[in-house]
Every structure is written in C-alpha cells, then in structure tokens.
C-alpha cells in the first residue's frame, strides 16, 4: 500500500471516528460540536495539503519506511 492510499484511509477513518464520537458523547451531532473540531482539523489539513503539496502524515509515513506511489511503481 502506498502513502497516498494510507493517508486517504487515515483521514477518512479520523473523520468517521470524530462523527461517531460526537454522536456518542454529545447526543445529536449538530447541537454540541465538541468532537466536530477534530473533523474540522482533519478537513483543514486536507485543504492545506491540496494547496501546498505538503502533508505532515506523508512525512511521518515516509520516515516509517512506507513508499510513495512513484516509488512503488518502479
């Protein structure tokens, strides 16, 4: 699995987890948005990585030895 696919899986999992926690601990999701700040943080990081082409999770995963899509196809 490549870094890019792993990042998408991690981001999607974080978003779903934060929505689940918001529903579990706050009842109705939109009345108490405590856990939704986590969702906003993930979304903001995805947005900034789209503009800057830099992602902290990509840096972490590459230091852990995971290959990017360009390296995996060689």
Protein backbone atom coordinates (compact mmCIF):
# COMPACT_ATOMS: atom_id res chain seq x y z
CA UNK A 1 0.00 0.00 0.00
CA UNK A 2 1.28 3.46 -0.86
CA UNK A 3 1.49 6.57 1.30
CA UNK A 4 -1.25 8.32 -0.65
CA UNK A 5 -3.76 5.50 -0.16
CA UNK A 6 -2.84 5.22 3.52
CA UNK A 7 -3.37 8.96 4.04
CA UNK A 8 -6.83 8.75 2.48
CA UNK A 9 -7.70 5.80 4.71
CA UNK A 10 -6.41 7.55 7.85
CA UNK A 11 -8.20 10.83 7.03
CA UNK A 12 -11.47 9.06 6.28
CA UNK A 13 -11.18 7.00 9.45
CA UNK A 14 -10.48 10.08 11.57
CA UNK A 15 -13.50 11.88 10.13
CA UNK A 16 -15.82 8.92 10.68
CA UNK A 17 -14.41 8.37 14.19
CA UNK A 18 -14.95 12.01 15.17
CA UNK A 19 -18.52 11.96 13.86
CA UNK A 20 -19.19 8.75 15.81
CA UNK A 21 -17.71 10.25 18.99
CA UNK A 22 -19.73 13.44 18.51
CA UNK A 23 -22.89 11.40 18.25
CA UNK A 24 -21.96 9.06 21.11
CA UNK A 25 -20.91 11.66 23.68
CA UNK A 26 -22.94 14.67 22.63
CA UNK A 27 -26.20 13.09 21.51
CA UNK A 28 -27.31 14.97 18.44
CA UNK A 29 -24.25 15.82 16.36
CA UNK A 30 -25.07 19.42 15.45
CA UNK A 31 -26.09 20.71 18.91
CA UNK A 32 -22.78 20.08 20.72
CA UNK A 33 -19.96 20.23 18.16
CA UNK A 34 -17.12 19.34 20.58
CA UNK A 35 -15.83 16.34 18.61
CA UNK A 36 -16.54 18.07 15.32
CA UNK A 37 -13.47 20.27 15.90
CA UNK A 38 -11.46 17.11 15.23
CA UNK A 39 -13.30 16.73 11.91
CA UNK A 40 -12.58 20.38 11.09
CA UNK A 41 -8.89 19.88 11.89
CA UNK A 42 -8.63 16.90 9.51
CA UNK A 43 -10.50 18.81 6.81
CA UNK A 44 -8.28 21.86 7.22
CA UNK A 45 -5.17 19.71 6.90
CA UNK A 46 -6.53 18.08 3.74
CA UNK A 47 -7.31 21.51 2.31
CA UNK A 48 -3.89 23.00 3.09
CA UNK A 49 -2.11 19.94 1.68
CA UNK A 50 -4.04 20.41 -1.56
CA UNK A 51 -2.70 23.96 -1.88
CA UNK A 52 0.83 23.48 -0.53
CA UNK A 53 1.50 19.87 -1.62
CA UNK A 54 2.83 19.16 1.89
CA UNK A 55 1.24 16.81 4.39
CA UNK A 56 2.55 16.02 7.88
CA UNK A 57 1.13 12.49 7.75
CA UNK A 58 3.01 11.89 4.48
CA UNK A 59 6.26 12.96 6.16
CA UNK A 60 5.59 10.68 9.13
CA UNK A 61 4.72 7.68 6.95
CA UNK A 62 7.76 8.15 4.71
CA UNK A 63 10.03 8.25 7.77
CA UNK A 64 8.41 4.99 8.88
CA UNK A 65 9.53 3.46 5.58
CA UNK A 66 6.33 3.47 3.54
CA UNK A 67 6.74 4.01 -0.19
CA UNK A 68 5.03 6.73 -2.23
CA UNK A 69 3.10 5.89 -5.39
CA UNK A 70 6.04 6.95 -7.58
CA UNK A 71 8.46 4.70 -5.73
CA UNK A 72 6.03 1.77 -5.63
CA UNK A 73 5.59 1.73 -9.43
CA UNK A 74 9.31 1.39 -10.13
